[in-house]
Amino acid sequence: MPERIVVSLPEGGNEYQRLQASDAQATAARLGLEVEVLDAENNAVLQIQQLFKPIHSSERPRALVVEPVALEGMERLATKAAAASIGTAILNCTVPYIDGLRSTYPSLPIFAIGSDQTEIGRLQGRQIEALLPFGGTVLYVQGPPNTPVVAERLRGTEEQVRGSGIHLVVIDAHWSEESAEKAVRSWLRLKHSESVRVDLVAGQDDSIARGARRAFEAGADTRERVAEVPFLGIDGVPSVGQQLVASGQLAATIVMPSNTGPALEALSRWLRSGTLPPPSVRVPVSSFPTENQLRARTRKRQGPA
């Protein structure tokens, strides 16, 4: 019987999470593992409930791979899993309890793996600076504000652009094109938004950036300016985000590889040889196009001094 691992992802409709789900299935097939992928439907309570079921099951999995919707309750979950001899890989966020659990359960793989979300925020901040070298106003459309990924990405961007003459106007959405379009439409209808000149729109993922662009395209006062306003996203799925950049709908994105495959590979090594992964594993990200290409494009657009 193949070893069973449960993978819990926050939002099945999001293209990046679809990439992570398919990566988990493909990697599990290659490694001879059995994987069950759960969709938390962007609901932190549902995610915890879904994960406690296999912990208390008579046929327990060997490990959980979890990208948390929210941090609340996650330490208790990982502790219960460890007490049941189940390992835990936490995706795409920083948590403080890894070292303590590893000390208490030294034979189990308990680790965090993923891209550095604060660094992703800094990288998007550098993209903003490359496109707005003289400063300006950025409409920053983020995901659900109680989500660890959202807070870390925002913090990184704020740190990067501080003192650069760039002002962030932050509005909330969910991880979907429709939600972002609705949020931006609502903001554009506000009286005070009429006095704000938006020089760039930054979405916390590519679907949010698409929805924001649709809202601008639909607005009578903003439609004519869409071609002038750069839109930025994050995720860079080759068939989606990178294609949006190639077609000119996005000025840039950040390529964030799936983390489920590397997590399953680390767990497979542990299952085969007992080799524990380190407490933190980083998966590198990159700007698409590169920061140098963005700066060169900005200089070309501005023309000779």
Protein backbone atom coordinates (compact mmCIF):
# COMPACT_ATOMS: atom_id res chain seq x y z
CA MET A 1 0.00 0.00 0.00
CA PRO A 2 1.38 3.45 -0.88
CA GLU A 3 1.96 5.89 1.96
CA ARG A 4 -0.87 8.40 2.29
CA ILE A 5 -0.42 12.17 2.63
CA VAL A 6 -3.20 14.77 2.96
CA VAL A 7 -2.73 18.11 1.18
CA SER A 8 -4.91 21.03 2.28
CA LEU A 9 -5.08 24.11 0.05
CA PRO A 10 -6.98 27.34 0.77
CA GLU A 11 -8.90 27.98 -2.43
CA GLY A 12 -9.56 25.44 -5.19
CA GLY A 13 -10.76 28.04 -7.69
CA ASN A 14 -7.54 30.06 -7.65
CA GLU A 15 -5.21 29.28 -10.57
CA TYR A 16 -2.12 29.06 -8.37
CA GLN A 17 -3.85 26.65 -6.01
CA ARG A 18 -4.96 24.62 -9.03
CA LEU A 19 -1.28 24.49 -10.03
CA GLN A 20 -0.38 23.31 -6.52
CA ALA A 21 -3.12 20.65 -6.59
CA SER A 22 -2.02 19.27 -9.95
CA ASP A 23 1.63 19.38 -8.85
CA ALA A 24 0.74 17.39 -5.74
CA GLN A 25 -1.06 14.74 -7.80
CA ALA A 26 1.73 14.48 -10.38
CA THR A 27 4.50 14.37 -7.78
CA ALA A 28 2.66 11.76 -5.71
CA ALA A 29 2.20 9.57 -8.79
CA ARG A 30 5.90 9.87 -9.63
CA LEU A 31 6.99 9.04 -6.06
CA GLY A 32 4.51 6.23 -5.50
CA LEU A 33 2.56 8.09 -2.81
CA GLU A 34 -1.18 8.30 -2.23
CA VAL A 35 -2.31 11.92 -1.91
CA GLU A 36 -5.67 13.39 -0.94
CA VAL A 37 -6.12 17.07 -1.87
CA LEU A 38 -8.62 19.07 0.20
CA ASP A 39 -10.13 22.45 -0.76
CA ALA A 40 -10.71 24.65 2.31
CA GLU A 41 -12.96 27.01 0.32
CA ASN A 42 -11.13 29.99 1.85
CA ASN A 43 -12.66 29.10 5.23
CA ALA A 44 -10.27 28.72 8.17
CA VAL A 45 -12.79 26.84 10.34
CA LEU A 46 -13.60 24.41 7.53
CA GLN A 47 -9.89 23.78 6.94
CA ILE A 48 -9.30 22.87 10.60
CA GLN A 49 -12.36 20.60 10.61
CA GLN A 50 -11.25 18.88 7.40
CA LEU A 51 -7.78 18.21 8.82
CA PHE A 52 -8.88 16.91 12.21
CA LYS A 53 -10.82 14.12 10.47
CA PRO A 54 -7.74 12.25 9.16
CA ILE A 55 -5.89 12.86 12.45
CA HIS A 56 -8.65 11.03 14.33
CA SER A 57 -9.19 8.42 11.62
CA SER A 58 -8.32 4.76 12.13
CA GLU A 59 -6.32 4.98 8.88
CA ARG A 60 -4.14 7.97 9.59
CA PRO A 61 -1.99 9.61 6.91
CA ARG A 62 1.78 9.77 7.38
CA ALA A 63 1.83 13.56 6.98
CA LEU A 64 -0.22 16.71 6.36
CA VAL A 65 0.80 19.35 3.82
CA VAL A 66 -1.10 22.54 4.67
CA GLU A 67 -1.26 26.06 3.29
CA PRO A 68 -3.21 27.79 6.09
CA VAL A 69 -6.20 29.98 5.39
CA ALA A 70 -5.40 31.60 8.77
CA LEU A 71 -2.88 30.89 11.52
CA GLU A 72 -5.43 30.59 14.34
CA GLY A 73 -5.74 26.97 15.38
CA MET A 74 -2.88 25.76 13.20
CA GLU A 75 -0.41 25.21 16.07
CA ARG A 76 -2.95 23.08 17.93
CA LEU A 77 -3.59 21.12 14.74
CA ALA A 78 0.14 20.47 14.15
CA THR A 79 0.55 19.45 17.80
CA LYS A 80 -2.35 16.99 17.61
CA ALA A 81 -0.96 15.60 14.36
CA ALA A 82 2.48 15.10 15.89
CA ALA A 83 0.99 13.37 18.94
CA ALA A 84 -0.65 10.96 16.48
CA SER A 85 2.75 10.37 14.76
CA ILE A 86 1.77 12.45 11.74
CA GLY A 87 4.25 14.88 10.21
CA THR A 88 3.29 18.39 9.07
CA ALA A 89 4.57 20.61 6.29
CA ILE A 90 3.31 24.20 6.46
CA LEU A 91 3.28 25.97 3.10
CA ASN A 92 3.92 29.59 2.25
CA CYS A 93 3.95 31.28 5.63
CA THR A 94 6.15 31.79 8.68
CA VAL A 95 5.07 30.11 11.93
CA PRO A 96 6.81 30.28 15.33
CA TYR A 97 6.20 26.78 16.67
CA ILE A 98 8.20 24.59 14.27
CA ASP A 99 11.35 24.37 16.42
CA GLY A 100 9.42 23.51 19.57
CA LEU A 101 7.50 20.70 17.89
CA ARG A 102 10.64 19.32 16.26
CA SER A 103 12.31 19.23 19.66
CA THR A 104 9.38 17.39 21.21
CA TYR A 105 8.93 14.98 18.27
CA PRO A 106 12.46 14.59 16.86
CA SER A 107 11.66 11.68 14.53
CA LEU A 108 8.84 13.44 12.68
CA PRO A 109 9.12 15.75 9.65
CA ILE A 110 7.70 19.04 10.94
CA PHE A 111 8.79 21.92 8.77
CA ALA A 112 7.80 25.03 6.83
CA ILE A 113 8.30 25.14 3.09
CA GLY A 114 7.51 27.78 0.55
CA SER A 115 8.45 31.02 -1.01
CA ASP A 116 9.37 33.87 1.32
CA GLN A 117 6.15 35.90 1.22
CA THR A 118 7.77 39.02 2.70
CA GLU A 119 10.46 38.84 0.02
CA ILE A 120 7.72 38.47 -2.62
CA GLY A 121 6.27 41.72 -1.28
CA ARG A 122 9.70 43.37 -1.49
CA LEU A 123 10.15 42.10 -5.04
CA GLN A 124 6.80 43.57 -6.06
CA GLY A 125 7.90 46.78 -4.35
CA ARG A 126 11.02 46.82 -6.52
CA GLN A 127 8.87 46.27 -9.60
CA ILE A 128 6.78 49.27 -8.54
CA GLU A 129 9.93 51.37 -8.06
CA ALA A 130 11.22 50.32 -11.49
CA LEU A 131 7.96 51.41 -13.14
CA LEU A 132 7.49 54.56 -11.03
CA PRO A 133 11.07 55.87 -10.56
CA PHE A 134 9.79 59.32 -9.53
CA GLY A 135 7.13 58.03 -7.13
CA GLY A 136 3.36 58.01 -7.45
CA THR A 137 0.16 56.47 -6.13
CA VAL A 138 -0.39 52.71 -6.22
CA LEU A 139 -3.79 51.10 -5.82
CA TYR A 140 -2.76 48.00 -3.89
CA VAL A 141 -5.42 45.28 -4.01
CA GLN A 142 -4.76 42.56 -1.45
CA GLY A 143 -6.38 39.26 -0.55
CA PRO A 144 -8.29 38.53 2.68
CA PRO A 145 -6.55 40.62 5.36
CA ASN A 146 -6.62 37.87 8.03
CA THR A 147 -4.46 35.60 5.85
CA PRO A 148 -0.75 35.20 6.72
CA VAL A 149 0.33 35.44 3.06
CA VAL A 150 -1.52 38.75 2.67
CA ALA A 151 0.03 40.35 5.73
CA GLU A 152 3.55 39.25 4.82
CA ARG A 153 3.32 40.41 1.19
CA LEU A 154 1.95 43.80 2.23
CA ARG A 155 4.64 44.21 4.86
CA GLY A 156 7.37 43.46 2.33
CA THR A 157 6.02 45.95 -0.20
CA GLU A 158 5.60 48.67 2.42
CA GLU A 159 9.16 48.12 3.63
CA GLN A 160 10.55 48.28 0.10
CA VAL A 161 8.81 51.47 -1.08
CA ARG A 162 9.15 53.41 2.19
CA GLY A 163 10.82 56.75 1.50
CA SER A 164 10.61 56.35 -2.29
CA GLY A 165 7.75 58.80 -2.87
CA ILE A 166 5.34 55.93 -3.54
CA HIS A 167 2.01 55.94 -1.71
CA LEU A 168 -0.03 52.75 -1.34
CA VAL A 169 -3.84 52.89 -1.27
CA VAL A 170 -4.79 49.46 0.11
CA ILE A 171 -8.15 47.80 -0.54
CA ASP A 172 -9.29 44.26 0.31
CA ALA A 173 -10.55 41.52 -1.98
CA HIS A 174 -10.53 37.73 -2.08
CA TRP A 175 -8.37 35.46 -4.22
CA SER A 176 -10.53 35.77 -7.32
CA GLU A 177 -10.96 37.96 -10.36
CA GLU A 178 -14.63 38.59 -9.59
CA SER A 179 -13.97 39.69 -6.02
CA ALA A 180 -11.20 42.05 -7.08
CA GLU A 181 -13.31 43.59 -9.82
CA LYS A 182 -16.15 44.19 -7.33
CA ALA A 183 -13.77 45.71 -4.73
CA VAL A 184 -12.12 48.05 -7.22
CA ARG A 185 -15.45 49.09 -8.75
CA SER A 186 -16.68 49.96 -5.26
CA TRP A 187 -13.54 51.98 -4.55
CA LEU A 188 -13.82 53.85 -7.87
CA ARG A 189 -17.38 54.87 -6.94
CA LEU A 190 -16.24 56.49 -3.71
CA LYS A 191 -16.22 60.29 -3.78
CA HIS A 192 -12.66 60.63 -2.49
CA SER A 193 -11.30 58.30 -5.21
CA GLU A 194 -12.09 60.98 -7.79
CA SER A 195 -9.22 63.08 -6.45
CA VAL A 196 -6.73 60.18 -6.53
CA ARG A 197 -4.60 59.75 -9.63
CA VAL A 198 -3.72 56.06 -9.78
CA ASP A 199 -0.32 55.60 -11.39
CA LEU A 200 -0.12 51.83 -10.99
CA VAL A 201 -2.27 48.94 -9.76
CA ALA A 202 -0.64 46.09 -7.83
CA GLY A 203 -2.60 42.91 -7.16
CA GLN A 204 -1.50 40.33 -4.62
CA ASP A 205 -2.02 37.67 -7.25
CA ASP A 206 -2.66 37.54 -10.99
CA SER A 207 -6.41 36.91 -10.70
CA ILE A 208 -6.74 39.98 -8.47
CA ALA A 209 -4.78 42.04 -11.02
CA ARG A 210 -7.08 40.82 -13.82
CA GLY A 211 -10.18 41.75 -11.86
CA ALA A 212 -8.77 45.19 -11.05
CA ARG A 213 -8.04 45.78 -14.72
CA ARG A 214 -11.59 44.79 -15.67
CA ALA A 215 -12.94 47.31 -13.15
CA PHE A 216 -10.80 50.06 -14.67
CA GLU A 217 -11.86 49.09 -18.19
CA ALA A 218 -15.52 49.33 -17.16
CA GLY A 219 -15.23 52.77 -15.53
CA ALA A 220 -16.15 55.70 -17.73
CA ASP A 221 -13.57 57.95 -16.05
CA THR A 222 -10.78 55.39 -16.10
CA ARG A 223 -11.30 53.48 -19.36
CA GLU A 224 -9.14 55.78 -21.43
CA ARG A 225 -6.27 55.54 -18.92
CA VAL A 226 -6.04 51.74 -18.73
CA ALA A 227 -3.37 51.62 -21.43
CA GLU A 228 -1.25 54.06 -19.40
CA VAL A 229 -1.60 52.36 -16.00
CA PRO A 230 0.67 49.34 -15.35
CA PHE A 231 -0.95 46.36 -13.62
CA LEU A 232 1.15 43.96 -11.53
CA GLY A 233 0.32 40.47 -10.29
CA ILE A 234 1.86 37.56 -8.40
CA ASP A 235 1.95 33.79 -9.10
CA GLY A 236 3.21 33.78 -12.68
CA VAL A 237 1.63 30.47 -13.67
CA PRO A 238 3.10 29.92 -17.18
CA SER A 239 -0.26 29.41 -18.89
CA VAL A 240 -1.90 32.37 -17.11
CA GLY A 241 0.19 35.10 -15.47
CA GLN A 242 3.13 34.89 -17.85
CA GLN A 243 0.73 34.89 -20.80
CA LEU A 244 -0.96 38.02 -19.41
CA VAL A 245 2.43 39.73 -19.36
CA ALA A 246 3.19 38.55 -22.92
CA SER A 247 -0.14 39.96 -24.14
CA GLY A 248 0.38 43.29 -22.35
CA GLN A 249 -2.50 42.94 -19.91
CA LEU A 250 -0.03 42.86 -17.02
CA ALA A 251 3.21 44.83 -16.92
CA ALA A 252 4.83 42.19 -14.73
CA THR A 253 4.20 39.26 -12.42
CA ILE A 254 6.22 37.30 -9.88
CA VAL A 255 6.83 33.65 -10.69
CA MET A 256 6.13 31.62 -7.56
CA PRO A 257 6.66 27.88 -8.19
CA SER A 258 4.33 25.36 -6.64
CA ASN A 259 5.38 24.27 -3.15
CA THR A 260 3.43 21.03 -2.92
CA GLY A 261 5.86 19.09 -5.12
CA PRO A 262 8.97 20.04 -3.08
CA ALA A 263 7.05 19.29 0.15
CA LEU A 264 6.10 15.80 -1.06
CA GLU A 265 9.66 15.15 -2.24
CA ALA A 266 10.98 16.04 1.23
CA LEU A 267 8.40 13.76 2.84
CA SER A 268 9.24 10.96 0.41
CA ARG A 269 12.93 11.15 1.41
CA TRP A 270 11.91 10.88 5.06
CA LEU A 271 9.68 7.88 4.34
CA ARG A 272 12.43 6.11 2.39
CA SER A 273 15.47 6.89 4.52
CA GLY A 274 14.37 8.68 7.68
CA THR A 275 16.13 11.86 6.52
CA LEU A 276 14.39 14.84 8.11
CA PRO A 277 13.98 18.05 6.12
CA PRO A 278 15.39 21.22 7.68
CA PRO A 279 12.94 23.31 9.72
CA SER A 280 12.58 25.85 6.89
CA VAL A 281 12.88 25.23 3.14
CA ARG A 282 12.78 28.17 0.74
CA VAL A 283 11.55 27.92 -2.85
CA PRO A 284 13.00 30.80 -4.92
CA VAL A 285 10.85 33.31 -6.81
CA SER A 286 11.64 35.63 -9.72
CA SER A 287 10.37 38.72 -11.49
CA PHE A 288 8.80 38.23 -14.94
CA PRO A 289 10.09 40.13 -16.81
CA THR A 290 13.29 40.84 -14.88
CA GLU A 291 13.72 44.02 -12.86
CA ASN A 292 16.39 45.22 -15.32
CA GLN A 293 13.97 44.71 -18.21
CA LEU A 294 11.30 46.70 -16.37
CA ARG A 295 13.71 49.57 -15.72
CA ALA A 296 14.84 49.57 -19.36
CA ARG A 297 11.22 49.61 -20.52
CA THR A 298 10.49 52.58 -18.24
CA ARG A 299 13.48 54.54 -19.56
CA LYS A 300 12.41 53.82 -23.14
CA ARG A 301 8.86 54.96 -22.46
CA GLN A 302 10.06 58.18 -20.87
CA GLY A 303 12.41 58.94 -23.75
CA PRO A 304 15.65 60.94 -23.62
CA ALA A 305 16.14 63.32 -20.71
